[in-house]
Amino acid sequence: MIRTGWLAHALLLAIAISLGSIALRPYVHPQTALAFSGKFDYVNIISPAYLYKGAQGVLLMDMRNGNVWFVGRGDEMNPTYKDPVFVVRLPLDKLDQAPQ
């Protein structure tokens, strides 16, 4: 009779080695990621669906100066956007002042 105990031990050893190699892979070959900011990281979307003078579009805010812009959508068949339209300037510099 052939003992199958050595086969079970060999399979368990192979499983342990493969799991160990999977666990140690991030330490041996660390992955690198590029974490640079985007081109327009100062622009925030205030409202993704906004009506301005009867046109539907996106309302954006420039955090550098507090300008709010409206970018209208094109016709319904083409996913295009029109030129930005200045809406209002929010006085963000007054947020640093004490309340009256």
C-alpha atoms as a PDB file:
ATOM      1  CA  MET A   1       0.000   0.000   0.000  1.00  0.00           C
ATOM      2  CA  ILE A   2       1.239   3.466  -0.924  1.00  0.00           C
ATOM      3  CA  ARG A   3       0.991   6.134   1.709  1.00  0.00           C
ATOM      4  CA  THR A   4      -0.642   9.335   0.442  1.00  0.00           C
ATOM      5  CA  GLY A   5       0.457  11.444   3.379  1.00  0.00           C
ATOM      6  CA  TRP A   6       3.497  12.784   1.517  1.00  0.00           C
ATOM      7  CA  LEU A   7       1.240  13.923  -1.343  1.00  0.00           C
ATOM      8  CA  ALA A   8      -0.973  15.913   1.030  1.00  0.00           C
ATOM      9  CA  HIS A   9       2.089  17.487   2.653  1.00  0.00           C
ATOM     10  CA  ALA A  10       3.544  18.387  -0.756  1.00  0.00           C
ATOM     11  CA  LEU A  11       0.270  20.012  -1.844  1.00  0.00           C
ATOM     12  CA  LEU A  12       0.008  21.964   1.412  1.00  0.00           C
ATOM     13  CA  LEU A  13       3.612  23.116   1.020  1.00  0.00           C
ATOM     14  CA  ALA A  14       2.952  24.266  -2.565  1.00  0.00           C
ATOM     15  CA  ILE A  15      -0.151  26.164  -1.428  1.00  0.00           C
ATOM     16  CA  ALA A  16       1.777  27.796   1.425  1.00  0.00           C
ATOM     17  CA  ILE A  17       4.604  28.862  -0.895  1.00  0.00           C
ATOM     18  CA  SER A  18       2.206  30.321  -3.478  1.00  0.00           C
ATOM     19  CA  LEU A  19       0.245  32.225  -0.807  1.00  0.00           C
ATOM     20  CA  GLY A  20       3.488  33.495   0.686  1.00  0.00           C
ATOM     21  CA  SER A  21       4.660  34.745  -2.701  1.00  0.00           C
ATOM     22  CA  ILE A  22       1.332  36.539  -3.208  1.00  0.00           C
ATOM     23  CA  ALA A  23       1.577  38.118   0.241  1.00  0.00           C
ATOM     24  CA  LEU A  24       5.195  39.250  -0.233  1.00  0.00           C
ATOM     25  CA  ARG A  25       4.774  40.586  -3.787  1.00  0.00           C
ATOM     26  CA  PRO A  26       3.892  44.186  -2.716  1.00  0.00           C
ATOM     27  CA  TYR A  27       7.075  44.334  -0.622  1.00  0.00           C
ATOM     28  CA  VAL A  28       9.359  42.916  -3.304  1.00  0.00           C
ATOM     29  CA  HIS A  29       7.946  44.875  -6.276  1.00  0.00           C
ATOM     30  CA  PRO A  30       6.071  47.925  -4.899  1.00  0.00           C
ATOM     31  CA  GLN A  31       3.611  49.536  -7.266  1.00  0.00           C
ATOM     32  CA  THR A  32       3.999  53.202  -8.061  1.00  0.00           C
ATOM     33  CA  ALA A  33       1.152  55.569  -8.759  1.00  0.00           C
ATOM     34  CA  LEU A  34       1.218  59.047 -10.210  1.00  0.00           C
ATOM     35  CA  ALA A  35      -0.598  61.429  -7.899  1.00  0.00           C
ATOM     36  CA  PHE A  36      -0.351  64.780  -9.637  1.00  0.00           C
ATOM     37  CA  SER A  37      -3.215  67.227  -9.507  1.00  0.00           C
ATOM     38  CA  GLY A  38      -5.358  67.815 -12.515  1.00  0.00           C
ATOM     39  CA  LYS A  39      -5.222  70.788 -14.817  1.00  0.00           C
ATOM     40  CA  PHE A  40      -8.381  72.356 -13.402  1.00  0.00           C
ATOM     41  CA  ASP A  41      -8.281  71.247  -9.778  1.00  0.00           C
ATOM     42  CA  TYR A  42      -9.454  74.691  -8.639  1.00  0.00           C
ATOM     43  CA  VAL A  43     -12.824  74.355 -10.428  1.00  0.00           C
ATOM     44  CA  ASN A  44     -15.711  72.857  -8.434  1.00  0.00           C
ATOM     45  CA  ILE A  45     -19.014  71.705  -9.862  1.00  0.00           C
ATOM     46  CA  ILE A  46     -21.781  73.459  -7.968  1.00  0.00           C
ATOM     47  CA  SER A  47     -24.669  71.901  -9.855  1.00  0.00           C
ATOM     48  CA  PRO A  48     -24.469  69.256 -12.616  1.00  0.00           C
ATOM     49  CA  ALA A  49     -27.939  70.171 -13.901  1.00  0.00           C
ATOM     50  CA  TYR A  50     -28.776  73.870 -13.781  1.00  0.00           C
ATOM     51  CA  LEU A  51     -31.174  76.073 -15.742  1.00  0.00           C
ATOM     52  CA  TYR A  52     -29.883  79.526 -16.652  1.00  0.00           C
ATOM     53  CA  LYS A  53     -31.994  81.755 -18.897  1.00  0.00           C
ATOM     54  CA  GLY A  54     -33.877  78.733 -20.211  1.00  0.00           C
ATOM     55  CA  ALA A  55     -30.787  76.707 -21.097  1.00  0.00           C
ATOM     56  CA  GLN A  56     -29.697  73.584 -19.271  1.00  0.00           C
ATOM     57  CA  GLY A  57     -26.064  73.111 -18.340  1.00  0.00           C
ATOM     58  CA  VAL A  58     -23.454  72.863 -15.599  1.00  0.00           C
ATOM     59  CA  LEU A  59     -22.754  75.479 -12.922  1.00  0.00           C
ATOM     60  CA  LEU A  60     -19.051  75.774 -12.022  1.00  0.00           C
ATOM     61  CA  MET A  61     -17.152  77.782  -9.418  1.00  0.00           C
ATOM     62  CA  ASP A  62     -13.567  78.972  -9.746  1.00  0.00           C
ATOM     63  CA  MET A  63     -12.100  78.692  -6.233  1.00  0.00           C
ATOM     64  CA  ARG A  64      -9.213  81.054  -7.048  1.00  0.00           C
ATOM     65  CA  ASN A  65     -11.377  84.149  -7.327  1.00  0.00           C
ATOM     66  CA  GLY A  66     -14.975  83.112  -6.535  1.00  0.00           C
ATOM     67  CA  ASN A  67     -16.315  83.448 -10.077  1.00  0.00           C
ATOM     68  CA  VAL A  68     -19.347  81.324 -10.911  1.00  0.00           C
ATOM     69  CA  TRP A  69     -19.666  80.186 -14.518  1.00  0.00           C
ATOM     70  CA  PHE A  70     -22.478  78.533 -16.469  1.00  0.00           C
ATOM     71  CA  VAL A  71     -21.566  76.106 -19.250  1.00  0.00           C
ATOM     72  CA  GLY A  72     -24.626  75.335 -21.359  1.00  0.00           C
ATOM     73  CA  ARG A  73     -25.226  72.052 -23.103  1.00  0.00           C
ATOM     74  CA  GLY A  74     -25.498  71.784 -26.846  1.00  0.00           C
ATOM     75  CA  ASP A  75     -28.407  70.172 -28.630  1.00  0.00           C
ATOM     76  CA  GLU A  76     -29.703  66.841 -27.396  1.00  0.00           C
ATOM     77  CA  MET A  77     -28.251  64.775 -30.220  1.00  0.00           C
ATOM     78  CA  ASN A  78     -24.609  65.784 -29.683  1.00  0.00           C
ATOM     79  CA  PRO A  79     -22.957  65.764 -26.246  1.00  0.00           C
ATOM     80  CA  THR A  80     -21.324  69.171 -26.696  1.00  0.00           C
ATOM     81  CA  TYR A  81     -21.043  72.217 -24.459  1.00  0.00           C
ATOM     82  CA  LYS A  82     -21.224  75.892 -25.314  1.00  0.00           C
ATOM     83  CA  ASP A  83     -18.813  78.604 -24.227  1.00  0.00           C
ATOM     84  CA  PRO A  84     -18.815  79.486 -20.510  1.00  0.00           C
ATOM     85  CA  VAL A  85     -20.979  82.414 -19.387  1.00  0.00           C
ATOM     86  CA  PHE A  86     -20.028  84.475 -16.327  1.00  0.00           C
ATOM     87  CA  VAL A  87     -22.868  84.442 -13.768  1.00  0.00           C
ATOM     88  CA  VAL A  88     -21.681  86.104 -10.562  1.00  0.00           C
ATOM     89  CA  ARG A  89     -18.607  86.668  -8.400  1.00  0.00           C
ATOM     90  CA  LEU A  90     -18.867  85.426  -4.823  1.00  0.00           C
ATOM     91  CA  PRO A  91     -16.866  87.531  -2.335  1.00  0.00           C
ATOM     92  CA  LEU A  92     -14.908  84.672  -0.782  1.00  0.00           C
ATOM     93  CA  ASP A  93     -12.389  87.117   0.692  1.00  0.00           C
ATOM     94  CA  LYS A  94     -15.068  88.348   3.100  1.00  0.00           C
ATOM     95  CA  LEU A  95     -15.278  84.923   4.727  1.00  0.00           C
ATOM     96  CA  ASP A  96     -12.124  85.717   6.700  1.00  0.00           C
ATOM     97  CA  GLN A  97     -13.740  88.767   8.317  1.00  0.00           C
ATOM     98  CA  ALA A  98     -15.494  88.597  11.676  1.00  0.00           C
ATOM     99  CA  PRO A  99     -19.300  88.473  11.518  1.00  0.00           C
ATOM    100  CA  GLN A 100     -21.092  91.744  12.192  1.00  0.00           C
END
